Each structure stands twice: as structure tokens, then as C-alpha cells.
Amino acid sequence: MKYSKLKFGENLYRMRQEKGISQTELSIACGVSLNSISKWENGKTFPELGYFCRVCKELKVTPNEMLEVSE
């Protein structure tokens, strides 16, 4: 599977919007700064594994769904 930080960010943004969750709400639920969520969504950084798992849990998606790359 092909992977990129940018694609993760796009998926995170889309899934968060679909669930009606703000960046602030997600940052509080995951125990990270609002700035971290913004950087993830913009493809500037990728969360550490523990935070990645928290994001998936909060958005009720699997890691595979979060990292899915459509060709």
C-alpha cells in the first residue's frame, strides 16, 4: 500500500468533517494540541502511533481506513 503524510491528512480532515467533530474537540479527546491536529491535517507531520490509534478510536475508523490511498 502506498502511504503519504498528505493523504493521511486529507483522510483525517474528511473523516473528522463527516463526523461533525471540530479540531478542538478532537485535540481534547486525543490529548494533543490543536496545533498538532492542524499539522496532521495539512500533511506537515504524522502522529506517533499512540495518538494515531486514539484518532482512529475517536473517529470510529480502522487504521486501514485512515491510511487508505485511492489510486
Protein backbone atom coordinates (compact mmCIF):
# COMPACT_ATOMS: atom_id res chain seq x y z
CA MET A 1 0.00 0.00 0.00
CA LYS A 2 1.26 3.43 -0.90
CA TYR A 3 1.28 5.89 2.00
CA SER A 4 1.87 9.59 2.47
CA LYS A 5 1.50 12.10 5.31
CA LEU A 6 -0.54 14.28 2.98
CA LYS A 7 -3.05 11.52 2.20
CA PHE A 8 -3.40 10.75 5.91
CA GLY A 9 -4.11 14.43 6.50
CA GLU A 10 -6.74 14.53 3.77
CA ASN A 11 -8.44 11.44 5.20
CA LEU A 12 -8.29 12.83 8.74
CA TYR A 13 -9.87 16.11 7.66
CA ARG A 14 -12.61 14.41 5.63
CA MET A 15 -13.49 11.87 8.32
CA ARG A 16 -13.49 14.49 11.06
CA GLN A 17 -15.82 16.69 9.00
CA GLU A 18 -18.13 13.75 8.22
CA LYS A 19 -18.46 13.05 11.96
CA GLY A 20 -19.10 16.72 12.77
CA ILE A 21 -16.11 16.93 15.12
CA SER A 22 -14.10 20.13 15.38
CA GLN A 23 -10.31 20.19 15.54
CA THR A 24 -10.62 21.43 19.13
CA GLU A 25 -12.90 18.56 20.13
CA LEU A 26 -10.57 16.00 18.54
CA SER A 27 -7.49 17.53 20.13
CA ILE A 28 -9.07 17.35 23.61
CA ALA A 29 -10.31 13.78 23.07
CA CYS A 30 -6.87 12.64 21.89
CA GLY A 31 -4.85 14.59 24.43
CA VAL A 32 -2.88 16.64 21.89
CA SER A 33 -2.67 20.30 20.99
CA LEU A 34 -4.90 21.93 18.43
CA ASN A 35 -1.71 22.76 16.54
CA SER A 36 -0.93 19.01 16.26
CA ILE A 37 -4.30 18.27 14.66
CA SER A 38 -3.76 21.13 12.21
CA LYS A 39 -0.27 19.90 11.26
CA TRP A 40 -1.57 16.36 10.75
CA GLU A 41 -4.39 17.54 8.51
CA ASN A 42 -2.01 19.70 6.47
CA GLY A 43 0.39 16.80 5.94
CA LYS A 44 3.23 18.53 7.79
CA THR A 45 3.61 15.83 10.44
CA PHE A 46 2.26 12.39 11.30
CA PRO A 47 1.10 11.40 14.79
CA GLU A 48 3.04 8.97 16.95
CA LEU A 49 1.47 5.51 16.99
CA GLY A 50 -0.39 6.01 20.27
CA TYR A 51 -2.01 9.21 19.06
CA PHE A 52 -2.76 7.67 15.68
CA CYS A 53 -4.69 4.90 17.48
CA ARG A 54 -6.56 7.46 19.60
CA VAL A 55 -7.59 9.38 16.47
CA CYS A 56 -8.89 6.18 14.86
CA LYS A 57 -10.81 5.31 18.02
CA GLU A 58 -12.35 8.77 18.34
CA LEU A 59 -13.41 8.82 14.69
CA LYS A 60 -14.54 5.18 14.85
CA VAL A 61 -12.47 4.10 11.86
CA THR A 62 -9.87 1.41 11.40
CA PRO A 63 -6.20 2.25 10.85
CA ASN A 64 -6.52 0.83 7.34
CA GLU A 65 -9.43 3.17 6.58
CA MET A 66 -7.45 6.14 7.91
CA LEU A 67 -4.42 5.31 5.75
CA GLU A 68 -6.36 4.25 2.65
CA VAL A 69 -5.00 5.66 -0.57
CA SER A 70 -7.29 5.80 -3.56
CA GLU A 71 -5.42 5.49 -6.85
